[in-house]
Amino acid sequence: MKGKSMVRSFCFLVVALFAVSIGFAQDINGKWKGQMESPNGPMDLVFNFKANGDSLSGTVESPMGELPISNGKINGNTFSFLVNVGEMSMSHQCTAMGDSISMKVPGMQGGEPMELMLKRVTEVQKQSK
């Protein structure tokens, strides 16, 4: 009897963790803002994420325009995607932490990798623009 109870508890835990990871992945939906250092000074970026299961799509907005996100993959609280800038494809590795996202982008042409922190844009922030 004790063995069946442990098996049930284990199955419940696995299902609960799976449900939490799916719910968390969907939690990245929406608008996120961050700032990246560029040779011309700080540059504001806005990421619009759309999660669908373990897939991610959306756009990134910069002062130079809007670009689509491609090849987006979600795995629990980590996710990755590509942004094509001209002829170059830039990889983004991210970790979601509540209302913040830590993002790493490998350096272009062997340069230093970039790291930035994104913050969720709330309804109050949207309305105050």
C-alpha atoms as a PDB file:
ATOM      1  CA  MET A   1       0.000   0.000   0.000  1.00  0.00           C
ATOM      2  CA  LYS A   2       2.847   2.368   0.866  1.00  0.00           C
ATOM      3  CA  GLY A   3       4.428   1.793  -2.576  1.00  0.00           C
ATOM      4  CA  LYS A   4       1.236   2.773  -4.432  1.00  0.00           C
ATOM      5  CA  SER A   5       0.966   5.944  -2.365  1.00  0.00           C
ATOM      6  CA  MET A   6       4.538   6.935  -3.215  1.00  0.00           C
ATOM      7  CA  VAL A   7       3.956   6.233  -6.916  1.00  0.00           C
ATOM      8  CA  ARG A   8       0.813   8.383  -6.880  1.00  0.00           C
ATOM      9  CA  SER A   9       2.672  11.181  -5.071  1.00  0.00           C
ATOM     10  CA  PHE A  10       5.506  11.009  -7.592  1.00  0.00           C
ATOM     11  CA  CYS A  11       3.078  11.079 -10.557  1.00  0.00           C
ATOM     12  CA  PHE A  12       1.256  14.048  -9.040  1.00  0.00           C
ATOM     13  CA  LEU A  13       4.564  15.898  -8.579  1.00  0.00           C
ATOM     14  CA  VAL A  14       5.596  15.263 -12.201  1.00  0.00           C
ATOM     15  CA  VAL A  15       2.229  16.472 -13.528  1.00  0.00           C
ATOM     16  CA  ALA A  16       2.321  19.540 -11.241  1.00  0.00           C
ATOM     17  CA  LEU A  17       5.849  20.484 -12.368  1.00  0.00           C
ATOM     18  CA  PHE A  18       4.845  20.066 -16.018  1.00  0.00           C
ATOM     19  CA  ALA A  19       1.785  22.274 -15.518  1.00  0.00           C
ATOM     20  CA  VAL A  20       3.871  24.937 -13.767  1.00  0.00           C
ATOM     21  CA  SER A  21       6.489  24.924 -16.530  1.00  0.00           C
ATOM     22  CA  ILE A  22       3.808  25.346 -19.223  1.00  0.00           C
ATOM     23  CA  GLY A  23       2.164  28.141 -17.257  1.00  0.00           C
ATOM     24  CA  PHE A  24       5.499  29.820 -16.670  1.00  0.00           C
ATOM     25  CA  ALA A  25       6.428  29.626 -20.334  1.00  0.00           C
ATOM     26  CA  GLN A  26       3.197  31.416 -21.199  1.00  0.00           C
ATOM     27  CA  ASP A  27       4.041  34.050 -18.599  1.00  0.00           C
ATOM     28  CA  ILE A  28       6.596  35.625 -20.965  1.00  0.00           C
ATOM     29  CA  ASN A  29       3.816  36.739 -23.311  1.00  0.00           C
ATOM     30  CA  GLY A  30       3.646  40.476 -23.781  1.00  0.00           C
ATOM     31  CA  LYS A  31       5.908  43.499 -23.979  1.00  0.00           C
ATOM     32  CA  TRP A  32       9.339  43.714 -22.325  1.00  0.00           C
ATOM     33  CA  LYS A  33      11.749  46.693 -22.286  1.00  0.00           C
ATOM     34  CA  GLY A  34      15.496  46.815 -21.942  1.00  0.00           C
ATOM     35  CA  GLN A  35      18.493  48.926 -22.827  1.00  0.00           C
ATOM     36  CA  MET A  36      21.602  47.815 -24.710  1.00  0.00           C
ATOM     37  CA  GLU A  37      24.914  49.595 -24.854  1.00  0.00           C
ATOM     38  CA  SER A  38      25.928  50.449 -28.415  1.00  0.00           C
ATOM     39  CA  PRO A  39      28.913  52.346 -29.867  1.00  0.00           C
ATOM     40  CA  ASN A  40      26.593  55.390 -30.023  1.00  0.00           C
ATOM     41  CA  GLY A  41      25.435  55.070 -26.408  1.00  0.00           C
ATOM     42  CA  PRO A  42      22.461  53.324 -24.806  1.00  0.00           C
ATOM     43  CA  MET A  43      19.767  51.988 -27.153  1.00  0.00           C
ATOM     44  CA  ASP A  44      16.219  51.223 -25.963  1.00  0.00           C
ATOM     45  CA  LEU A  45      14.764  47.887 -27.088  1.00  0.00           C
ATOM     46  CA  VAL A  46      11.221  46.543 -26.802  1.00  0.00           C
ATOM     47  CA  PHE A  47      10.588  42.803 -27.160  1.00  0.00           C
ATOM     48  CA  ASN A  48       7.058  41.561 -27.924  1.00  0.00           C
ATOM     49  CA  PHE A  49       6.928  37.858 -27.036  1.00  0.00           C
ATOM     50  CA  LYS A  50       4.196  35.400 -28.056  1.00  0.00           C
ATOM     51  CA  ALA A  51       4.551  31.948 -26.469  1.00  0.00           C
ATOM     52  CA  ASN A  52       2.668  28.982 -27.882  1.00  0.00           C
ATOM     53  CA  GLY A  53       3.544  25.789 -25.987  1.00  0.00           C
ATOM     54  CA  ASP A  54       7.313  25.399 -26.361  1.00  0.00           C
ATOM     55  CA  SER A  55       7.499  27.763 -29.373  1.00  0.00           C
ATOM     56  CA  LEU A  56       8.167  31.487 -29.268  1.00  0.00           C
ATOM     57  CA  SER A  57       7.542  34.200 -31.845  1.00  0.00           C
ATOM     58  CA  GLY A  58       7.233  37.967 -31.765  1.00  0.00           C
ATOM     59  CA  THR A  59       9.216  41.072 -32.629  1.00  0.00           C
ATOM     60  CA  VAL A  60      11.963  43.317 -31.324  1.00  0.00           C
ATOM     61  CA  GLU A  61      11.670  47.092 -31.737  1.00  0.00           C
ATOM     62  CA  SER A  62      14.691  49.395 -31.781  1.00  0.00           C
ATOM     63  CA  PRO A  63      15.328  52.951 -32.970  1.00  0.00           C
ATOM     64  CA  MET A  64      16.265  51.345 -36.311  1.00  0.00           C
ATOM     65  CA  GLY A  65      12.876  49.641 -36.763  1.00  0.00           C
ATOM     66  CA  GLU A  66      11.079  46.394 -35.973  1.00  0.00           C
ATOM     67  CA  LEU A  67      12.488  42.916 -36.654  1.00  0.00           C
ATOM     68  CA  PRO A  68      10.797  39.501 -36.341  1.00  0.00           C
ATOM     69  CA  ILE A  69      11.871  36.877 -33.825  1.00  0.00           C
ATOM     70  CA  SER A  70      12.478  33.442 -35.377  1.00  0.00           C
ATOM     71  CA  ASN A  71      13.391  29.932 -34.221  1.00  0.00           C
ATOM     72  CA  GLY A  72      12.043  30.619 -30.723  1.00  0.00           C
ATOM     73  CA  LYS A  73      12.222  27.693 -28.297  1.00  0.00           C
ATOM     74  CA  ILE A  74      10.984  27.580 -24.692  1.00  0.00           C
ATOM     75  CA  ASN A  75      12.201  25.126 -22.057  1.00  0.00           C
ATOM     76  CA  GLY A  76      10.713  25.926 -18.641  1.00  0.00           C
ATOM     77  CA  ASN A  77      12.027  29.319 -17.541  1.00  0.00           C
ATOM     78  CA  THR A  78      14.746  29.443 -20.222  1.00  0.00           C
ATOM     79  CA  PHE A  79      14.203  30.299 -23.863  1.00  0.00           C
ATOM     80  CA  SER A  80      16.148  31.212 -26.973  1.00  0.00           C
ATOM     81  CA  PHE A  81      15.477  32.816 -30.326  1.00  0.00           C
ATOM     82  CA  LEU A  82      17.135  34.401 -33.357  1.00  0.00           C
ATOM     83  CA  VAL A  83      16.878  37.910 -34.755  1.00  0.00           C
ATOM     84  CA  ASN A  84      18.175  38.509 -38.279  1.00  0.00           C
ATOM     85  CA  VAL A  85      19.944  41.842 -38.597  1.00  0.00           C
ATOM     86  CA  GLY A  86      20.848  42.329 -42.226  1.00  0.00           C
ATOM     87  CA  GLU A  87      22.878  39.283 -43.269  1.00  0.00           C
ATOM     88  CA  MET A  88      23.659  38.339 -39.663  1.00  0.00           C
ATOM     89  CA  SER A  89      21.591  36.058 -37.416  1.00  0.00           C
ATOM     90  CA  MET A  90      21.899  37.006 -33.726  1.00  0.00           C
ATOM     91  CA  SER A  91      21.219  34.336 -31.103  1.00  0.00           C
ATOM     92  CA  HIS A  92      19.534  35.321 -27.816  1.00  0.00           C
ATOM     93  CA  GLN A  93      19.695  33.123 -24.688  1.00  0.00           C
ATOM     94  CA  CYS A  94      17.213  34.125 -21.983  1.00  0.00           C
ATOM     95  CA  THR A  95      16.129  33.237 -18.463  1.00  0.00           C
ATOM     96  CA  ALA A  96      12.749  34.445 -17.183  1.00  0.00           C
ATOM     97  CA  MET A  97      12.560  35.436 -13.503  1.00  0.00           C
ATOM     98  CA  GLY A  98       9.085  36.748 -12.725  1.00  0.00           C
ATOM     99  CA  ASP A  99       8.823  40.270 -14.153  1.00  0.00           C
ATOM    100  CA  SER A 100      12.458  40.267 -15.346  1.00  0.00           C
ATOM    101  CA  ILE A 101      14.306  38.476 -18.126  1.00  0.00           C
ATOM    102  CA  SER A 102      18.075  38.058 -18.196  1.00  0.00           C
ATOM    103  CA  MET A 103      19.294  38.039 -21.800  1.00  0.00           C
ATOM    104  CA  LYS A 104      22.685  37.152 -23.292  1.00  0.00           C
ATOM    105  CA  VAL A 105      23.623  37.838 -26.892  1.00  0.00           C
ATOM    106  CA  PRO A 106      26.986  36.509 -28.149  1.00  0.00           C
ATOM    107  CA  GLY A 107      29.323  39.200 -29.442  1.00  0.00           C
ATOM    108  CA  MET A 108      29.248  40.029 -33.098  1.00  0.00           C
ATOM    109  CA  GLN A 109      32.322  39.079 -35.119  1.00  0.00           C
ATOM    110  CA  GLY A 110      34.147  37.743 -32.050  1.00  0.00           C
ATOM    111  CA  GLY A 111      33.370  40.792 -29.900  1.00  0.00           C
ATOM    112  CA  GLU A 112      32.283  40.832 -26.287  1.00  0.00           C
ATOM    113  CA  PRO A 113      28.917  39.221 -25.524  1.00  0.00           C
ATOM    114  CA  MET A 114      26.129  41.587 -24.540  1.00  0.00           C
ATOM    115  CA  GLU A 115      24.027  41.091 -21.442  1.00  0.00           C
ATOM    116  CA  LEU A 116      20.867  42.988 -20.677  1.00  0.00           C
ATOM    117  CA  MET A 117      17.958  42.841 -18.290  1.00  0.00           C
ATOM    118  CA  LEU A 118      14.417  43.194 -19.587  1.00  0.00           C
ATOM    119  CA  LYS A 119      11.505  44.382 -17.469  1.00  0.00           C
ATOM    120  CA  ARG A 120       7.860  43.574 -18.152  1.00  0.00           C
ATOM    121  CA  VAL A 121       5.816  46.529 -19.435  1.00  0.00           C
ATOM    122  CA  THR A 122       2.658  46.727 -17.319  1.00  0.00           C
ATOM    123  CA  GLU A 123      -0.687  48.243 -18.310  1.00  0.00           C
ATOM    124  CA  VAL A 124       0.050  51.299 -16.125  1.00  0.00           C
ATOM    125  CA  GLN A 125       3.326  51.873 -18.006  1.00  0.00           C
ATOM    126  CA  LYS A 126       1.559  51.495 -21.378  1.00  0.00           C
ATOM    127  CA  GLN A 127      -1.111  54.047 -20.462  1.00  0.00           C
ATOM    128  CA  SER A 128       1.390  56.649 -19.189  1.00  0.00           C
ATOM    129  CA  LYS A 129       3.025  57.010 -22.640  1.00  0.00           C
END
